[in-house]
N, C-alpha and C. Protein backbone atom coordinates (compact mmCIF):
# COMPACT_ATOMS: atom_id res chain seq x y z
N UNK A 1 125.63 176.72 154.43
CA UNK A 1 125.62 175.87 153.22
C UNK A 1 124.39 176.23 152.37
N UNK A 2 124.61 176.48 151.08
CA UNK A 2 123.49 176.81 150.19
C UNK A 2 122.64 175.57 149.95
N UNK A 3 121.42 175.81 149.46
CA UNK A 3 120.51 174.69 149.21
C UNK A 3 121.08 173.70 148.19
N UNK A 4 121.73 174.23 147.15
CA UNK A 4 122.22 173.32 146.10
C UNK A 4 123.31 172.38 146.63
N UNK A 5 123.97 172.76 147.72
CA UNK A 5 125.01 171.91 148.31
C UNK A 5 124.44 170.88 149.28
N UNK A 6 123.21 171.11 149.73
CA UNK A 6 122.60 170.18 150.68
C UNK A 6 122.10 168.94 149.96
N UNK A 7 121.98 167.84 150.70
CA UNK A 7 121.51 166.59 150.10
C UNK A 7 120.00 166.66 149.89
N UNK A 8 119.53 165.87 148.92
CA UNK A 8 118.08 165.81 148.67
C UNK A 8 117.34 165.34 149.92
N UNK A 9 117.94 164.40 150.65
CA UNK A 9 117.31 163.90 151.86
C UNK A 9 117.16 164.99 152.91
N UNK A 10 118.20 165.81 153.08
CA UNK A 10 118.13 166.92 154.05
C UNK A 10 117.05 167.91 153.65
N UNK A 11 117.01 168.25 152.37
CA UNK A 11 116.02 169.22 151.89
C UNK A 11 114.60 168.67 152.03
N UNK A 12 114.42 167.38 151.70
CA UNK A 12 113.10 166.76 151.83
C UNK A 12 112.66 166.73 153.29
N UNK A 13 113.63 166.62 154.17
CA UNK A 13 113.33 166.57 155.60
C UNK A 13 113.02 167.95 156.17
N UNK A 14 113.68 168.97 155.65
CA UNK A 14 113.61 170.28 156.30
C UNK A 14 112.62 171.26 155.65
N UNK A 15 112.20 171.00 154.39
CA UNK A 15 111.30 171.94 153.70
C UNK A 15 109.98 171.25 153.38
N UNK A 16 108.90 171.58 154.09
CA UNK A 16 107.60 170.99 153.76
C UNK A 16 107.24 171.26 152.30
N UNK A 17 106.81 170.22 151.61
CA UNK A 17 106.43 170.36 150.20
C UNK A 17 107.56 170.10 149.22
N UNK A 18 108.81 169.97 149.72
CA UNK A 18 109.95 169.75 148.82
C UNK A 18 109.81 168.44 148.05
N UNK A 19 109.22 167.44 148.68
CA UNK A 19 109.14 166.14 148.00
C UNK A 19 108.30 166.24 146.72
N UNK A 20 107.26 167.08 146.72
CA UNK A 20 106.44 167.23 145.52
C UNK A 20 107.25 167.89 144.39
N UNK A 21 108.08 168.86 144.75
CA UNK A 21 108.96 169.48 143.75
C UNK A 21 109.91 168.44 143.17
N UNK A 22 110.47 167.60 144.04
CA UNK A 22 111.40 166.57 143.57
C UNK A 22 110.69 165.57 142.66
N UNK A 23 109.42 165.24 142.97
CA UNK A 23 108.66 164.36 142.07
C UNK A 23 108.52 165.00 140.69
N UNK A 24 108.23 166.29 140.65
CA UNK A 24 108.05 166.99 139.37
C UNK A 24 109.30 166.89 138.51
N UNK A 25 110.47 167.01 139.16
CA UNK A 25 111.74 166.98 138.42
C UNK A 25 112.34 165.57 138.36
N UNK A 26 111.60 164.58 138.88
CA UNK A 26 112.05 163.18 138.88
C UNK A 26 113.40 163.02 139.57
N UNK A 27 113.54 163.66 140.73
CA UNK A 27 114.75 163.54 141.54
C UNK A 27 114.46 162.57 142.69
N UNK A 28 115.36 161.61 142.87
CA UNK A 28 115.16 160.56 143.87
C UNK A 28 115.66 161.04 145.23
N UNK A 29 114.72 161.43 146.10
CA UNK A 29 115.08 161.96 147.41
C UNK A 29 115.07 160.88 148.48
N UNK A 30 114.67 159.64 148.13
CA UNK A 30 114.61 158.59 149.15
C UNK A 30 115.86 157.72 149.07
N UNK A 31 115.94 156.82 148.08
CA UNK A 31 117.13 155.97 147.96
C UNK A 31 118.35 156.79 147.52
N UNK A 32 118.12 157.84 146.72
CA UNK A 32 119.21 158.69 146.26
C UNK A 32 119.36 159.94 147.11
N UNK A 33 118.87 159.88 148.35
CA UNK A 33 118.80 161.06 149.19
C UNK A 33 120.13 161.63 149.65
N UNK A 34 121.22 160.88 149.49
CA UNK A 34 122.53 161.38 149.93
C UNK A 34 123.17 162.32 148.91
N UNK A 35 122.67 162.31 147.69
CA UNK A 35 123.22 163.20 146.66
C UNK A 35 122.83 164.64 146.93
N UNK A 36 123.74 165.57 146.62
CA UNK A 36 123.40 166.99 146.75
C UNK A 36 122.42 167.36 145.65
N UNK A 37 121.69 168.46 145.88
CA UNK A 37 120.77 168.95 144.85
C UNK A 37 121.53 169.26 143.57
N UNK A 38 122.71 169.88 143.69
CA UNK A 38 123.51 170.22 142.51
C UNK A 38 123.88 168.97 141.73
N UNK A 39 124.34 167.94 142.44
CA UNK A 39 124.77 166.70 141.78
C UNK A 39 123.59 166.00 141.11
N UNK A 40 122.49 165.87 141.84
CA UNK A 40 121.33 165.16 141.30
C UNK A 40 120.74 165.89 140.09
N UNK A 41 120.66 167.23 140.17
CA UNK A 41 120.11 168.00 139.06
C UNK A 41 121.01 167.91 137.83
N UNK A 42 122.31 168.03 138.04
CA UNK A 42 123.26 167.98 136.93
C UNK A 42 123.19 166.64 136.21
N UNK A 43 123.02 165.56 136.98
CA UNK A 43 122.93 164.22 136.37
C UNK A 43 121.72 164.09 135.46
N UNK A 44 120.69 164.89 135.73
CA UNK A 44 119.49 164.85 134.89
C UNK A 44 119.41 166.03 133.94
N UNK A 45 120.54 166.74 133.77
CA UNK A 45 120.63 167.91 132.88
C UNK A 45 119.60 168.97 133.24
N UNK A 46 119.41 169.17 134.54
CA UNK A 46 118.49 170.19 135.04
C UNK A 46 119.28 171.35 135.63
N UNK A 47 118.64 172.49 135.76
CA UNK A 47 119.27 173.67 136.34
C UNK A 47 119.05 173.67 137.85
N UNK A 48 120.09 173.45 138.65
CA UNK A 48 119.90 173.43 140.11
C UNK A 48 119.33 174.73 140.65
N UNK A 49 119.71 175.87 140.03
CA UNK A 49 119.24 177.17 140.52
C UNK A 49 117.73 177.30 140.37
N UNK A 50 117.18 176.73 139.31
CA UNK A 50 115.73 176.80 139.09
C UNK A 50 115.00 176.03 140.18
N UNK A 51 115.52 174.84 140.52
CA UNK A 51 114.90 174.02 141.56
C UNK A 51 115.09 174.70 142.91
N UNK A 52 116.26 175.27 143.14
CA UNK A 52 116.52 175.98 144.39
C UNK A 52 115.53 177.12 144.58
N UNK A 53 115.23 177.84 143.51
CA UNK A 53 114.28 178.96 143.60
C UNK A 53 112.90 178.47 144.03
N UNK A 54 112.48 177.30 143.51
CA UNK A 54 111.21 176.71 143.92
C UNK A 54 111.23 176.38 145.41
N UNK A 55 112.35 175.83 145.87
CA UNK A 55 112.46 175.44 147.28
C UNK A 55 112.50 176.66 148.20
N UNK A 56 113.18 177.72 147.75
CA UNK A 56 113.23 178.96 148.55
C UNK A 56 111.81 179.52 148.70
N UNK A 57 111.06 179.53 147.61
CA UNK A 57 109.68 180.02 147.67
C UNK A 57 108.85 179.16 148.63
N UNK A 58 109.07 177.86 148.59
CA UNK A 58 108.34 176.97 149.49
C UNK A 58 108.69 177.25 150.95
N UNK A 59 109.98 177.46 151.21
CA UNK A 59 110.42 177.67 152.59
C UNK A 59 109.84 178.96 153.17
N UNK A 60 109.52 179.92 152.28
CA UNK A 60 108.91 181.19 152.75
C UNK A 60 107.41 181.03 152.98
N UNK A 61 106.79 180.17 152.21
CA UNK A 61 105.34 179.95 152.35
C UNK A 61 105.07 178.45 152.39
N UNK A 62 105.48 177.79 153.47
CA UNK A 62 105.35 176.34 153.52
C UNK A 62 103.90 175.89 153.60
N UNK A 63 103.55 174.78 152.91
CA UNK A 63 102.22 174.22 153.09
C UNK A 63 102.10 173.66 154.51
N UNK A 64 100.88 173.49 154.97
CA UNK A 64 100.67 172.98 156.33
C UNK A 64 100.88 171.47 156.35
N UNK A 65 102.07 171.06 156.71
CA UNK A 65 102.39 169.64 156.80
C UNK A 65 102.98 169.36 158.17
N UNK A 66 102.78 168.14 158.66
CA UNK A 66 103.40 167.74 159.93
C UNK A 66 104.90 167.63 159.74
N UNK A 67 105.67 168.20 160.65
CA UNK A 67 107.12 168.08 160.61
C UNK A 67 107.52 166.82 161.37
N UNK A 68 107.68 165.73 160.62
CA UNK A 68 107.96 164.45 161.27
C UNK A 68 109.37 164.40 161.85
N UNK A 69 110.22 165.34 161.46
CA UNK A 69 111.55 165.42 162.06
C UNK A 69 111.50 165.80 163.52
N UNK A 70 110.38 166.39 163.96
CA UNK A 70 110.22 166.78 165.36
C UNK A 70 109.46 165.73 166.18
N UNK A 71 109.00 164.68 165.54
CA UNK A 71 108.21 163.66 166.24
C UNK A 71 109.12 162.68 166.96
N UNK A 72 108.57 162.00 167.95
CA UNK A 72 109.32 160.93 168.62
C UNK A 72 109.38 159.72 167.69
N UNK A 73 110.34 158.82 167.89
CA UNK A 73 110.38 157.60 167.05
C UNK A 73 109.06 156.84 167.08
N UNK A 74 108.44 156.73 168.26
CA UNK A 74 107.18 155.98 168.37
C UNK A 74 106.07 156.64 167.56
N UNK A 75 106.00 157.98 167.60
CA UNK A 75 104.97 158.71 166.84
C UNK A 75 105.19 158.54 165.34
N UNK A 76 106.45 158.64 164.91
CA UNK A 76 106.76 158.49 163.49
C UNK A 76 106.46 157.07 163.02
N UNK A 77 106.79 156.09 163.84
CA UNK A 77 106.51 154.69 163.48
C UNK A 77 105.01 154.46 163.35
N UNK A 78 104.21 154.99 164.29
CA UNK A 78 102.76 154.85 164.19
C UNK A 78 102.24 155.45 162.88
N UNK A 79 102.80 156.61 162.49
CA UNK A 79 102.40 157.25 161.23
C UNK A 79 102.79 156.39 160.04
N UNK A 80 104.00 155.87 160.03
CA UNK A 80 104.46 155.02 158.92
C UNK A 80 103.58 153.79 158.77
N UNK A 81 103.23 153.17 159.89
CA UNK A 81 102.40 151.96 159.85
C UNK A 81 101.02 152.26 159.26
N UNK A 82 100.40 153.35 159.72
CA UNK A 82 99.04 153.67 159.28
C UNK A 82 99.00 154.26 157.88
N UNK A 83 99.95 155.16 157.58
CA UNK A 83 99.90 155.89 156.31
C UNK A 83 100.54 155.12 155.16
N UNK A 84 101.50 154.24 155.45
CA UNK A 84 102.21 153.57 154.36
C UNK A 84 102.09 152.05 154.40
N UNK A 85 102.41 151.41 155.51
CA UNK A 85 102.33 149.94 155.53
C UNK A 85 100.91 149.47 155.22
N UNK A 86 99.92 150.01 155.93
CA UNK A 86 98.54 149.60 155.70
C UNK A 86 98.08 149.95 154.29
N UNK A 87 98.51 151.12 153.80
CA UNK A 87 98.08 151.58 152.47
C UNK A 87 98.68 150.73 151.37
N UNK A 88 99.97 150.38 151.47
CA UNK A 88 100.60 149.52 150.45
C UNK A 88 99.88 148.18 150.37
N UNK A 89 99.44 147.68 151.52
CA UNK A 89 98.75 146.37 151.53
C UNK A 89 97.39 146.45 150.84
N UNK A 90 96.83 147.64 150.74
CA UNK A 90 95.60 147.83 149.98
C UNK A 90 95.89 148.10 148.50
N UNK A 91 96.97 148.86 148.24
CA UNK A 91 97.26 149.29 146.88
C UNK A 91 97.67 148.13 145.97
N UNK A 92 98.59 147.31 146.42
CA UNK A 92 99.22 146.36 145.49
C UNK A 92 98.28 145.27 144.99
N UNK A 93 97.44 144.64 145.82
CA UNK A 93 96.52 143.64 145.25
C UNK A 93 95.60 144.23 144.17
N UNK A 94 95.14 145.47 144.37
CA UNK A 94 94.29 146.10 143.37
C UNK A 94 95.07 146.43 142.10
N UNK A 95 96.30 146.89 142.23
CA UNK A 95 97.13 147.17 141.05
C UNK A 95 97.40 145.88 140.27
N UNK A 96 97.64 144.79 140.98
CA UNK A 96 97.87 143.50 140.31
C UNK A 96 96.61 143.09 139.54
N UNK A 97 95.45 143.25 140.16
CA UNK A 97 94.19 142.90 139.50
C UNK A 97 93.99 143.72 138.23
N UNK A 98 94.22 145.03 138.32
CA UNK A 98 94.06 145.90 137.15
C UNK A 98 95.07 145.55 136.06
N UNK A 99 96.32 145.28 136.46
CA UNK A 99 97.36 144.96 135.48
C UNK A 99 97.03 143.67 134.73
N UNK A 100 96.53 142.68 135.45
CA UNK A 100 96.14 141.42 134.80
C UNK A 100 95.06 141.66 133.75
N UNK A 101 94.10 142.50 134.10
CA UNK A 101 93.00 142.78 133.17
C UNK A 101 93.51 143.51 131.93
N UNK A 102 94.36 144.51 132.12
CA UNK A 102 94.90 145.26 130.99
C UNK A 102 95.74 144.35 130.09
N UNK A 103 96.56 143.50 130.71
CA UNK A 103 97.41 142.61 129.90
C UNK A 103 96.59 141.58 129.13
N UNK A 104 95.48 141.14 129.72
CA UNK A 104 94.63 140.16 129.03
C UNK A 104 93.86 140.81 127.88
N UNK A 105 93.27 141.95 128.14
CA UNK A 105 92.39 142.60 127.15
C UNK A 105 93.18 143.23 126.02
N UNK A 106 94.38 143.78 126.35
CA UNK A 106 95.14 144.55 125.36
C UNK A 106 96.44 143.86 124.95
N UNK A 107 96.44 142.55 125.02
CA UNK A 107 97.67 141.79 124.71
C UNK A 107 98.20 142.08 123.31
N UNK A 108 97.32 142.41 122.36
CA UNK A 108 97.74 142.66 120.98
C UNK A 108 98.26 144.08 120.75
N UNK A 109 98.11 144.95 121.75
CA UNK A 109 98.55 146.33 121.59
C UNK A 109 100.05 146.45 121.81
N UNK A 110 100.76 147.20 120.93
CA UNK A 110 102.20 147.40 121.14
C UNK A 110 102.49 148.18 122.42
N UNK A 111 101.51 148.89 122.95
CA UNK A 111 101.70 149.67 124.18
C UNK A 111 101.42 148.84 125.44
N UNK A 112 100.95 147.61 125.27
CA UNK A 112 100.58 146.79 126.42
C UNK A 112 101.79 146.57 127.34
N UNK A 113 101.65 146.82 128.64
CA UNK A 113 102.77 146.65 129.58
C UNK A 113 102.97 145.18 129.95
N UNK A 114 103.45 144.40 129.02
CA UNK A 114 103.62 142.95 129.25
C UNK A 114 104.58 142.69 130.40
N UNK A 115 104.17 141.82 131.32
CA UNK A 115 105.00 141.48 132.47
C UNK A 115 104.77 142.36 133.68
N UNK A 116 103.86 143.34 133.55
CA UNK A 116 103.63 144.28 134.65
C UNK A 116 103.02 143.59 135.86
N UNK A 117 102.02 142.74 135.64
CA UNK A 117 101.36 142.07 136.77
C UNK A 117 102.37 141.21 137.54
N UNK A 118 103.22 140.48 136.82
CA UNK A 118 104.23 139.64 137.48
C UNK A 118 105.20 140.50 138.29
N UNK A 119 105.59 141.64 137.72
CA UNK A 119 106.52 142.52 138.45
C UNK A 119 105.85 143.08 139.70
N UNK A 120 104.59 143.46 139.60
CA UNK A 120 103.86 143.97 140.76
C UNK A 120 103.71 142.88 141.83
N UNK A 121 103.51 141.63 141.40
CA UNK A 121 103.43 140.52 142.35
C UNK A 121 104.75 140.38 143.11
N UNK A 122 105.85 140.46 142.38
CA UNK A 122 107.17 140.35 143.03
C UNK A 122 107.37 141.50 144.01
N UNK A 123 107.02 142.71 143.59
CA UNK A 123 107.14 143.86 144.49
C UNK A 123 106.28 143.66 145.74
N UNK A 124 105.08 143.13 145.55
CA UNK A 124 104.18 142.89 146.68
C UNK A 124 104.82 141.93 147.69
N UNK A 125 105.37 140.82 147.18
CA UNK A 125 106.00 139.83 148.05
C UNK A 125 107.20 140.41 148.79
N UNK A 126 108.05 141.15 148.06
CA UNK A 126 109.26 141.68 148.67
C UNK A 126 108.94 142.79 149.67
N UNK A 127 107.95 143.62 149.33
CA UNK A 127 107.58 144.71 150.24
C UNK A 127 106.91 144.15 151.50
N UNK A 128 106.07 143.13 151.34
CA UNK A 128 105.43 142.52 152.50
C UNK A 128 106.46 141.90 153.44
N UNK A 129 107.43 141.20 152.88
CA UNK A 129 108.50 140.62 153.70
C UNK A 129 109.27 141.71 154.43
N UNK A 130 109.58 142.78 153.72
CA UNK A 130 110.32 143.91 154.28
C UNK A 130 109.53 144.56 155.43
N UNK A 131 108.25 144.82 155.20
CA UNK A 131 107.44 145.49 156.21
C UNK A 131 107.28 144.62 157.46
N UNK A 132 107.15 143.32 157.27
CA UNK A 132 107.02 142.43 158.42
C UNK A 132 108.29 142.44 159.27
N UNK A 133 109.45 142.48 158.63
CA UNK A 133 110.71 142.55 159.39
C UNK A 133 110.77 143.83 160.20
N UNK A 134 110.32 144.94 159.59
CA UNK A 134 110.30 146.21 160.32
C UNK A 134 109.34 146.15 161.50
N UNK A 135 108.15 145.61 161.24
CA UNK A 135 107.10 145.58 162.27
C UNK A 135 107.45 144.66 163.43
N UNK A 136 108.11 143.53 163.12
CA UNK A 136 108.35 142.52 164.14
C UNK A 136 109.68 142.72 164.88
N UNK A 137 110.67 143.34 164.21
CA UNK A 137 112.01 143.42 164.80
C UNK A 137 112.46 144.87 165.01
N UNK A 138 112.57 145.62 163.91
CA UNK A 138 113.22 146.93 163.98
C UNK A 138 112.37 147.99 164.67
N UNK A 139 111.11 148.11 164.28
CA UNK A 139 110.29 149.19 164.83
C UNK A 139 110.12 149.08 166.35
N UNK A 140 109.84 147.90 166.90
CA UNK A 140 109.75 147.81 168.36
C UNK A 140 111.04 148.25 169.06
N UNK A 141 112.19 147.94 168.43
CA UNK A 141 113.48 148.33 168.99
C UNK A 141 113.62 149.86 169.01
N UNK A 142 113.28 150.50 167.88
CA UNK A 142 113.42 151.95 167.78
C UNK A 142 112.39 152.68 168.64
N UNK A 143 111.18 152.14 168.73
CA UNK A 143 110.14 152.78 169.54
C UNK A 143 110.54 152.80 171.02
N UNK A 144 111.33 151.82 171.43
CA UNK A 144 111.80 151.76 172.83
C UNK A 144 113.08 152.57 173.03
N UNK A 145 113.57 153.23 171.95
CA UNK A 145 114.76 154.05 172.08
C UNK A 145 116.06 153.28 172.06
N UNK A 146 116.04 152.07 171.48
CA UNK A 146 117.24 151.23 171.43
C UNK A 146 117.95 151.34 170.08
N UNK A 147 118.16 152.58 169.62
CA UNK A 147 118.79 152.79 168.32
C UNK A 147 120.19 152.23 168.24
N UNK A 148 120.92 152.23 169.36
CA UNK A 148 122.29 151.72 169.35
C UNK A 148 122.35 150.23 169.03
N UNK A 149 121.26 149.51 169.34
CA UNK A 149 121.22 148.06 169.07
C UNK A 149 120.75 147.75 167.66
N UNK A 150 120.32 148.79 166.93
CA UNK A 150 119.63 148.56 165.66
C UNK A 150 120.51 148.79 164.43
N UNK A 151 121.80 148.97 164.62
CA UNK A 151 122.68 149.32 163.49
C UNK A 151 122.59 148.31 162.36
N UNK A 152 122.67 147.02 162.69
CA UNK A 152 122.65 145.99 161.64
C UNK A 152 121.28 145.87 160.97
N UNK A 153 120.17 145.80 161.74
CA UNK A 153 118.86 145.77 161.06
C UNK A 153 118.62 146.98 160.17
N UNK A 154 119.07 148.16 160.61
CA UNK A 154 118.89 149.37 159.80
C UNK A 154 119.67 149.26 158.50
N UNK A 155 120.88 148.74 158.57
CA UNK A 155 121.69 148.59 157.36
C UNK A 155 120.99 147.67 156.37
N UNK A 156 120.41 146.58 156.87
CA UNK A 156 119.69 145.63 156.00
C UNK A 156 118.46 146.30 155.38
N UNK A 157 117.72 147.07 156.19
CA UNK A 157 116.53 147.74 155.67
C UNK A 157 116.90 148.78 154.61
N UNK A 158 118.01 149.50 154.82
CA UNK A 158 118.45 150.48 153.82
C UNK A 158 118.79 149.77 152.49
N UNK A 159 119.44 148.62 152.58
CA UNK A 159 119.77 147.85 151.36
C UNK A 159 118.48 147.42 150.65
N UNK A 160 117.51 146.99 151.43
CA UNK A 160 116.24 146.57 150.82
C UNK A 160 115.50 147.77 150.21
N UNK A 161 115.65 148.93 150.85
CA UNK A 161 115.07 150.15 150.25
C UNK A 161 115.69 150.42 148.88
N UNK A 162 117.01 150.22 148.77
CA UNK A 162 117.66 150.39 147.47
C UNK A 162 117.08 149.42 146.44
N UNK A 163 116.79 148.19 146.89
CA UNK A 163 116.17 147.20 145.99
C UNK A 163 114.78 147.67 145.55
N UNK A 164 114.03 148.27 146.48
CA UNK A 164 112.71 148.81 146.12
C UNK A 164 112.86 149.92 145.09
N UNK A 165 113.92 150.73 145.22
CA UNK A 165 114.17 151.79 144.26
C UNK A 165 114.42 151.24 142.86
N UNK A 166 115.18 150.16 142.78
CA UNK A 166 115.44 149.50 141.49
C UNK A 166 114.14 148.94 140.92
N UNK A 167 113.30 148.38 141.80
CA UNK A 167 112.01 147.83 141.36
C UNK A 167 111.10 148.93 140.83
N UNK A 168 111.15 150.12 141.44
CA UNK A 168 110.36 151.25 140.93
C UNK A 168 110.84 151.66 139.54
N UNK A 169 112.15 151.65 139.32
CA UNK A 169 112.68 151.99 138.00
C UNK A 169 112.17 151.00 136.95
N UNK A 170 112.14 149.73 137.32
CA UNK A 170 111.63 148.70 136.41
C UNK A 170 110.14 148.92 136.14
N UNK A 171 109.41 149.32 137.17
CA UNK A 171 107.98 149.61 137.03
C UNK A 171 107.75 150.72 136.00
N UNK A 172 108.57 151.76 136.08
CA UNK A 172 108.44 152.87 135.13
C UNK A 172 108.84 152.45 133.73
N UNK A 173 109.87 151.58 133.63
CA UNK A 173 110.29 151.11 132.31
C UNK A 173 109.18 150.29 131.64
N UNK A 174 108.53 149.42 132.41
CA UNK A 174 107.46 148.57 131.86
C UNK A 174 106.26 149.39 131.39
N UNK A 175 106.05 150.54 132.00
CA UNK A 175 104.88 151.38 131.66
C UNK A 175 105.27 152.58 130.80
N UNK A 176 106.50 152.59 130.28
CA UNK A 176 106.99 153.72 129.47
C UNK A 176 106.80 155.04 130.22
N UNK A 177 107.27 155.04 131.48
CA UNK A 177 107.14 156.21 132.36
C UNK A 177 105.67 156.62 132.54
N UNK A 178 104.82 155.59 132.69
CA UNK A 178 103.39 155.79 132.94
C UNK A 178 102.72 156.60 131.82
N UNK A 179 103.16 156.34 130.59
CA UNK A 179 102.58 157.02 129.42
C UNK A 179 101.41 156.20 128.89
N UNK A 180 100.24 156.77 128.89
CA UNK A 180 99.05 156.09 128.40
C UNK A 180 98.92 156.22 126.89
N UNK A 181 98.52 155.15 126.21
CA UNK A 181 98.19 155.31 124.78
C UNK A 181 96.93 156.16 124.64
N UNK A 182 96.76 156.75 123.47
CA UNK A 182 95.66 157.69 123.27
C UNK A 182 94.30 157.05 123.52
N UNK A 183 94.17 155.79 123.14
CA UNK A 183 92.86 155.12 123.24
C UNK A 183 92.76 154.26 124.51
N UNK A 184 93.50 154.60 125.54
CA UNK A 184 93.50 153.79 126.77
C UNK A 184 92.11 153.73 127.39
N UNK A 185 91.73 152.53 127.82
CA UNK A 185 90.43 152.35 128.47
C UNK A 185 90.51 152.84 129.92
N UNK A 186 89.36 152.86 130.57
CA UNK A 186 89.31 153.36 131.95
C UNK A 186 90.13 152.49 132.91
N UNK A 187 90.15 151.18 132.66
CA UNK A 187 90.95 150.29 133.52
C UNK A 187 92.42 150.63 133.41
N UNK A 188 92.88 150.86 132.21
CA UNK A 188 94.29 151.20 131.97
C UNK A 188 94.62 152.54 132.66
N UNK A 189 93.72 153.49 132.54
CA UNK A 189 93.92 154.80 133.18
C UNK A 189 93.97 154.65 134.71
N UNK A 190 93.06 153.85 135.24
CA UNK A 190 93.03 153.63 136.69
C UNK A 190 94.31 152.94 137.15
N UNK A 191 94.81 152.00 136.34
CA UNK A 191 96.04 151.29 136.67
C UNK A 191 97.22 152.25 136.78
N UNK A 192 97.41 153.10 135.77
CA UNK A 192 98.58 153.99 135.77
C UNK A 192 98.45 155.09 136.82
N UNK A 193 97.23 155.55 137.07
CA UNK A 193 97.02 156.52 138.14
C UNK A 193 97.36 155.88 139.49
N UNK A 194 96.93 154.63 139.67
CA UNK A 194 97.22 153.92 140.91
C UNK A 194 98.71 153.67 141.09
N UNK A 195 99.40 153.35 140.00
CA UNK A 195 100.85 153.13 140.08
C UNK A 195 101.57 154.43 140.43
N UNK A 196 101.11 155.55 139.85
CA UNK A 196 101.73 156.83 140.17
C UNK A 196 101.58 157.15 141.67
N UNK A 197 100.39 156.92 142.20
CA UNK A 197 100.15 157.16 143.63
C UNK A 197 101.01 156.24 144.47
N UNK A 198 101.07 154.95 144.10
CA UNK A 198 101.89 153.98 144.83
C UNK A 198 103.36 154.38 144.81
N UNK A 199 103.86 154.81 143.65
CA UNK A 199 105.26 155.23 143.53
C UNK A 199 105.56 156.39 144.47
N UNK A 200 104.68 157.41 144.44
CA UNK A 200 104.91 158.59 145.29
C UNK A 200 104.82 158.21 146.77
N UNK A 201 103.88 157.33 147.11
CA UNK A 201 103.75 156.88 148.50
C UNK A 201 104.98 156.11 148.94
N UNK A 202 105.47 155.20 148.08
CA UNK A 202 106.62 154.39 148.47
C UNK A 202 107.87 155.26 148.64
N UNK A 203 108.04 156.26 147.77
CA UNK A 203 109.19 157.15 147.91
C UNK A 203 109.10 157.97 149.20
N UNK A 204 107.90 158.46 149.53
CA UNK A 204 107.72 159.22 150.77
C UNK A 204 107.97 158.32 151.98
N UNK A 205 107.50 157.09 151.90
CA UNK A 205 107.68 156.08 152.95
C UNK A 205 109.18 155.84 153.21
N UNK A 206 109.93 155.58 152.14
CA UNK A 206 111.37 155.32 152.26
C UNK A 206 112.09 156.56 152.78
N UNK A 207 111.67 157.74 152.32
CA UNK A 207 112.29 158.99 152.80
C UNK A 207 112.14 159.13 154.32
N UNK A 208 110.93 158.91 154.85
CA UNK A 208 110.72 159.04 156.29
C UNK A 208 111.59 158.08 157.08
N UNK A 209 111.79 156.89 156.53
CA UNK A 209 112.61 155.90 157.24
C UNK A 209 114.10 156.21 157.08
N UNK A 210 114.56 156.34 155.83
CA UNK A 210 116.00 156.56 155.60
C UNK A 210 116.49 157.87 156.20
N UNK A 211 115.78 158.96 155.91
CA UNK A 211 116.31 160.30 156.19
C UNK A 211 115.88 160.86 157.54
N UNK A 212 114.91 160.24 158.18
CA UNK A 212 114.49 160.73 159.50
C UNK A 212 114.64 159.62 160.56
N UNK A 213 113.83 158.57 160.46
CA UNK A 213 113.83 157.54 161.50
C UNK A 213 115.20 156.89 161.68
N UNK A 214 115.81 156.45 160.57
CA UNK A 214 117.10 155.74 160.67
C UNK A 214 118.24 156.70 160.99
N UNK A 215 118.24 157.89 160.35
CA UNK A 215 119.30 158.86 160.64
C UNK A 215 119.25 159.30 162.10
N UNK A 216 118.05 159.52 162.64
CA UNK A 216 117.92 159.92 164.04
C UNK A 216 118.38 158.81 164.98
N UNK A 217 118.08 157.56 164.62
CA UNK A 217 118.53 156.43 165.44
C UNK A 217 120.05 156.36 165.46
N UNK A 218 120.68 156.61 164.29
CA UNK A 218 122.14 156.58 164.21
C UNK A 218 122.73 157.72 165.04
N UNK A 219 122.09 158.89 164.98
CA UNK A 219 122.58 160.05 165.75
C UNK A 219 122.48 159.80 167.25
N UNK A 220 121.37 159.19 167.69
CA UNK A 220 121.19 158.92 169.13
C UNK A 220 122.18 157.85 169.60
N UNK A 221 122.54 156.93 168.70
CA UNK A 221 123.51 155.87 169.06
C UNK A 221 124.91 156.46 169.25
N UNK A 222 125.20 157.56 168.51
CA UNK A 222 126.53 158.19 168.63
C UNK A 222 126.64 159.04 169.89
N UNK A 223 125.51 159.51 170.41
CA UNK A 223 125.53 160.42 171.58
C UNK A 223 125.64 159.65 172.89
């Protein structure tokens, strides 16, 4: 099967560095990971062959990244908790603080992202609830190798991941795709830089769960 026929999730899982390429082309490899590269590129009026060439070059000279597809469920879960759950809990309160300041100081500016702090608060609440369910119910089940018992919790978590994807789209809409006005102050710049990092982290987080942890659990349940 050629690369353009493979799903974004498969490519993100199998080629180190592919996720950064997908970020550059704004291709959703986490919630939209079931789409083929050809389908996803065509929907965005992009040339699949151009993206494929980037991925082929990457596969020949891969960056040094951990291949989480080879890790045990317990190892992957420990990584997700430390690299993403803990980090999101640090990121969002600071982003909310920065957004409140920008909205207060620049309320008269037509570029002001009105409603951004409220949206970030909602995302914080929903993500915290989601992570707690994973930490308290699903992750202990998967770490013990009980993937066959986890079908329903996994389905619920995948649905919530789709909701997070919709929330990210709203985040980009509120910030005009993270476009800074020419006279943006340092707080505004720090806010949009922080949101960009949070977006990339959340997409990588969802990718590891949807395309590796959950898919592997489903595969082990079938065997």
